[in-house]
Amino acid sequence: AVTLNATNQEITGNITIDSTSSLNMNLLTSSEFTGAINSANTAKTVNLVIDSDSTWTLTGDSYVTSLTNNGTIDYDGYTLYVNGVAQ
């Protein structure tokens, strides 16, 4: 498993995860992520935490296993699936 802790960061790009890999991603302290996560729905697990100061703007449909969202998600017309359920 990979843990990505973004603190006061701007991240742009898609995150791809294969079937044997897991991602723990934490957007903290005014971080901004623009991109899709696991758009092919192949990851073993994806756990995402967004704190109250952080934002995620989707650029494609995304699949996560668990989501703790205290911040802002801009769906921008795309769908976020959490444990298989569209949000």
N, C-alpha and C. Protein backbone atom coordinates (compact mmCIF):
# COMPACT_ATOMS: atom_id res chain seq x y z
N ALA A 1 0.84 -1.19 0.00
CA ALA A 1 0.00 0.00 0.00
C ALA A 1 0.88 1.24 0.00
N VAL A 2 0.40 2.25 -0.69
CA VAL A 2 1.08 3.54 -0.73
C VAL A 2 0.23 4.54 0.05
N THR A 3 0.89 5.34 0.87
CA THR A 3 0.21 6.42 1.57
C THR A 3 0.71 7.74 1.02
N LEU A 4 -0.22 8.57 0.56
CA LEU A 4 0.10 9.90 0.03
C LEU A 4 -0.51 10.93 0.97
N ASN A 5 0.35 11.65 1.68
CA ASN A 5 -0.09 12.73 2.55
C ASN A 5 0.23 14.04 1.87
N ALA A 6 -0.80 14.76 1.43
CA ALA A 6 -0.61 16.06 0.79
C ALA A 6 -0.97 17.13 1.80
N THR A 7 0.00 17.95 2.18
CA THR A 7 -0.21 19.04 3.12
C THR A 7 0.10 20.35 2.43
N ASN A 8 -0.93 21.21 2.27
CA ASN A 8 -0.78 22.49 1.59
C ASN A 8 -0.17 22.33 0.20
N GLN A 9 -0.72 21.36 -0.56
CA GLN A 9 -0.21 21.04 -1.89
C GLN A 9 -1.28 21.21 -2.95
N GLU A 10 -0.84 21.50 -4.19
CA GLU A 10 -1.71 21.47 -5.36
C GLU A 10 -1.24 20.31 -6.22
N ILE A 11 -2.12 19.34 -6.45
CA ILE A 11 -1.79 18.15 -7.23
C ILE A 11 -2.74 18.07 -8.41
N THR A 12 -2.18 17.84 -9.59
CA THR A 12 -2.98 17.71 -10.80
C THR A 12 -2.57 16.44 -11.53
N GLY A 13 -3.54 15.66 -11.97
CA GLY A 13 -3.27 14.45 -12.73
C GLY A 13 -4.10 13.30 -12.22
N ASN A 14 -4.18 12.26 -13.02
CA ASN A 14 -4.95 11.08 -12.65
C ASN A 14 -4.09 10.10 -11.88
N ILE A 15 -4.70 9.41 -10.92
CA ILE A 15 -4.01 8.40 -10.13
C ILE A 15 -4.54 7.04 -10.55
N THR A 16 -3.64 6.21 -11.07
CA THR A 16 -3.98 4.87 -11.54
C THR A 16 -3.41 3.85 -10.57
N ILE A 17 -4.23 2.87 -10.22
CA ILE A 17 -3.82 1.85 -9.25
C ILE A 17 -4.18 0.48 -9.82
N ASP A 18 -3.24 -0.47 -9.77
CA ASP A 18 -3.53 -1.80 -10.33
C ASP A 18 -4.19 -2.70 -9.29
N SER A 19 -4.54 -3.90 -9.71
CA SER A 19 -5.35 -4.80 -8.89
C SER A 19 -4.63 -5.36 -7.68
N THR A 20 -3.32 -5.24 -7.61
CA THR A 20 -2.58 -5.74 -6.45
C THR A 20 -2.17 -4.62 -5.50
N SER A 21 -2.59 -3.40 -5.79
CA SER A 21 -2.12 -2.24 -5.02
C SER A 21 -3.25 -1.52 -4.31
N SER A 22 -2.86 -0.81 -3.25
CA SER A 22 -3.79 -0.02 -2.46
C SER A 22 -3.23 1.39 -2.27
N LEU A 23 -4.14 2.35 -2.12
CA LEU A 23 -3.76 3.74 -1.90
C LEU A 23 -4.50 4.29 -0.69
N ASN A 24 -3.76 4.93 0.21
CA ASN A 24 -4.32 5.73 1.29
C ASN A 24 -3.92 7.17 0.97
N MET A 25 -4.90 8.02 0.67
CA MET A 25 -4.61 9.40 0.28
C MET A 25 -5.26 10.35 1.26
N ASN A 26 -4.47 11.30 1.76
CA ASN A 26 -4.94 12.28 2.72
C ASN A 26 -4.68 13.68 2.18
N LEU A 27 -5.76 14.42 1.91
CA LEU A 27 -5.65 15.81 1.48
C LEU A 27 -5.82 16.68 2.72
N LEU A 28 -4.74 17.35 3.11
CA LEU A 28 -4.71 18.06 4.38
C LEU A 28 -4.27 19.51 4.21
N THR A 29 -4.72 20.38 5.10
CA THR A 29 -4.26 21.76 5.22
C THR A 29 -4.26 22.50 3.89
N SER A 30 -5.44 22.77 3.38
CA SER A 30 -5.63 23.57 2.16
C SER A 30 -5.04 22.93 0.91
N SER A 31 -5.03 21.61 0.84
CA SER A 31 -4.56 20.94 -0.37
C SER A 31 -5.67 20.91 -1.42
N GLU A 32 -5.25 20.92 -2.69
CA GLU A 32 -6.18 20.86 -3.81
C GLU A 32 -5.73 19.75 -4.75
N PHE A 33 -6.64 18.82 -5.06
CA PHE A 33 -6.35 17.77 -6.02
C PHE A 33 -7.32 17.89 -7.17
N THR A 34 -6.79 17.94 -8.40
CA THR A 34 -7.60 17.96 -9.60
C THR A 34 -7.22 16.74 -10.41
N GLY A 35 -8.15 15.81 -10.52
CA GLY A 35 -7.88 14.59 -11.27
C GLY A 35 -8.86 13.51 -10.91
N ALA A 36 -8.66 12.34 -11.52
CA ALA A 36 -9.47 11.16 -11.25
C ALA A 36 -8.63 10.17 -10.45
N ILE A 37 -9.30 9.37 -9.64
CA ILE A 37 -8.63 8.32 -8.87
C ILE A 37 -9.23 6.98 -9.27
N ASN A 38 -8.37 6.05 -9.68
CA ASN A 38 -8.80 4.68 -9.93
C ASN A 38 -9.95 4.62 -10.93
N SER A 39 -9.85 5.38 -12.02
CA SER A 39 -10.96 5.48 -12.98
C SER A 39 -11.29 4.15 -13.67
N ALA A 40 -10.34 3.23 -13.72
CA ALA A 40 -10.60 1.91 -14.31
C ALA A 40 -11.18 0.93 -13.30
N ASN A 41 -11.31 1.37 -12.04
CA ASN A 41 -11.85 0.56 -10.95
C ASN A 41 -11.08 -0.76 -10.80
N THR A 42 -9.76 -0.66 -10.80
CA THR A 42 -8.91 -1.84 -10.71
C THR A 42 -8.21 -2.00 -9.36
N ALA A 43 -8.18 -0.97 -8.55
CA ALA A 43 -7.40 -1.00 -7.30
C ALA A 43 -7.94 -2.01 -6.31
N LYS A 44 -7.03 -2.54 -5.51
CA LYS A 44 -7.43 -3.42 -4.42
C LYS A 44 -8.26 -2.63 -3.42
N THR A 45 -7.72 -1.50 -2.94
CA THR A 45 -8.47 -0.57 -2.08
C THR A 45 -7.95 0.84 -2.28
N VAL A 46 -8.85 1.81 -2.09
CA VAL A 46 -8.49 3.23 -2.10
C VAL A 46 -9.22 3.87 -0.93
N ASN A 47 -8.45 4.41 0.01
CA ASN A 47 -9.02 5.11 1.16
C ASN A 47 -8.64 6.58 1.06
N LEU A 48 -9.65 7.45 1.03
CA LEU A 48 -9.43 8.87 0.81
C LEU A 48 -9.97 9.68 1.98
N VAL A 49 -9.14 10.61 2.48
CA VAL A 49 -9.55 11.54 3.53
C VAL A 49 -9.34 12.95 2.99
N ILE A 50 -10.37 13.78 3.10
CA ILE A 50 -10.29 15.19 2.69
C ILE A 50 -10.64 16.02 3.92
N ASP A 51 -9.67 16.83 4.39
CA ASP A 51 -9.95 17.63 5.59
C ASP A 51 -10.76 18.87 5.23
N SER A 52 -11.13 19.63 6.25
CA SER A 52 -12.08 20.74 6.07
C SER A 52 -11.56 21.88 5.21
N ASP A 53 -10.25 21.97 5.02
CA ASP A 53 -9.67 23.05 4.21
C ASP A 53 -9.33 22.63 2.79
N SER A 54 -9.57 21.37 2.44
CA SER A 54 -9.06 20.83 1.18
C SER A 54 -10.17 20.55 0.18
N THR A 55 -9.79 20.45 -1.11
CA THR A 55 -10.76 20.24 -2.18
C THR A 55 -10.26 19.21 -3.18
N TRP A 56 -11.23 18.54 -3.81
CA TRP A 56 -10.96 17.62 -4.91
C TRP A 56 -11.90 17.97 -6.04
N THR A 57 -11.33 18.20 -7.23
CA THR A 57 -12.10 18.43 -8.44
C THR A 57 -11.91 17.23 -9.35
N LEU A 58 -12.99 16.50 -9.62
CA LEU A 58 -12.91 15.32 -10.47
C LEU A 58 -12.72 15.72 -11.93
N THR A 59 -11.91 14.94 -12.63
CA THR A 59 -11.73 15.11 -14.07
C THR A 59 -12.16 13.84 -14.81
N GLY A 60 -12.75 12.92 -14.07
CA GLY A 60 -13.24 11.67 -14.63
C GLY A 60 -13.92 10.89 -13.52
N ASP A 61 -14.70 9.88 -13.90
CA ASP A 61 -15.33 9.03 -12.89
C ASP A 61 -14.24 8.41 -12.02
N SER A 62 -14.51 8.28 -10.73
CA SER A 62 -13.50 7.79 -9.79
C SER A 62 -14.11 6.78 -8.84
N TYR A 63 -13.27 5.83 -8.41
CA TYR A 63 -13.71 4.74 -7.55
C TYR A 63 -12.83 4.67 -6.30
N VAL A 64 -13.45 4.80 -5.13
CA VAL A 64 -12.72 4.67 -3.87
C VAL A 64 -13.46 3.66 -2.99
N THR A 65 -12.72 3.05 -2.09
CA THR A 65 -13.30 2.07 -1.17
C THR A 65 -13.95 2.77 0.01
N SER A 66 -13.24 3.78 0.55
CA SER A 66 -13.79 4.54 1.66
C SER A 66 -13.46 6.02 1.49
N LEU A 67 -14.35 6.86 2.01
CA LEU A 67 -14.20 8.30 1.89
C LEU A 67 -14.58 8.95 3.21
N THR A 68 -13.68 9.80 3.72
CA THR A 68 -13.99 10.69 4.83
C THR A 68 -13.85 12.09 4.27
N ASN A 69 -14.98 12.75 4.04
CA ASN A 69 -14.97 14.05 3.39
C ASN A 69 -15.49 15.12 4.33
N ASN A 70 -14.57 15.96 4.80
CA ASN A 70 -14.94 17.14 5.59
C ASN A 70 -14.69 18.41 4.79
N GLY A 71 -14.24 18.25 3.55
CA GLY A 71 -13.91 19.39 2.69
C GLY A 71 -14.92 19.53 1.57
N THR A 72 -14.40 19.80 0.36
CA THR A 72 -15.24 20.07 -0.79
C THR A 72 -14.87 19.14 -1.93
N ILE A 73 -15.89 18.55 -2.55
CA ILE A 73 -15.69 17.77 -3.77
C ILE A 73 -16.50 18.43 -4.87
N ASP A 74 -15.82 18.81 -5.96
CA ASP A 74 -16.46 19.36 -7.15
C ASP A 74 -16.54 18.22 -8.16
N TYR A 75 -17.73 17.69 -8.37
CA TYR A 75 -17.91 16.54 -9.25
C TYR A 75 -17.72 16.89 -10.72
N ASP A 76 -17.94 18.14 -11.08
CA ASP A 76 -17.72 18.63 -12.43
C ASP A 76 -18.36 17.73 -13.49
N GLY A 77 -19.52 17.15 -13.16
CA GLY A 77 -20.25 16.32 -14.11
C GLY A 77 -19.85 14.85 -14.11
N TYR A 78 -18.89 14.48 -13.29
CA TYR A 78 -18.44 13.08 -13.21
C TYR A 78 -19.06 12.41 -11.98
N THR A 79 -18.86 11.10 -11.88
CA THR A 79 -19.44 10.33 -10.79
C THR A 79 -18.34 9.79 -9.90
N LEU A 80 -18.54 9.89 -8.60
CA LEU A 80 -17.66 9.30 -7.61
C LEU A 80 -18.38 8.11 -7.01
N TYR A 81 -17.73 6.96 -7.06
CA TYR A 81 -18.27 5.74 -6.47
C TYR A 81 -17.52 5.45 -5.19
N VAL A 82 -18.26 5.28 -4.09
CA VAL A 82 -17.66 4.93 -2.81
C VAL A 82 -18.16 3.54 -2.46
N ASN A 83 -17.24 2.59 -2.43
CA ASN A 83 -17.57 1.19 -2.18
C ASN A 83 -18.67 0.71 -3.13
N GLY A 84 -18.58 1.14 -4.39
CA GLY A 84 -19.52 0.70 -5.43
C GLY A 84 -20.80 1.50 -5.55
N VAL A 85 -21.01 2.48 -4.67
CA VAL A 85 -22.23 3.26 -4.67
C VAL A 85 -21.96 4.66 -5.20
N ALA A 86 -22.72 5.06 -6.24
CA ALA A 86 -22.57 6.40 -6.82
C ALA A 86 -22.97 7.45 -5.81
N GLN A 87 -22.17 8.51 -5.72
CA GLN A 87 -22.46 9.60 -4.78
C GLN A 87 -23.18 10.74 -5.47
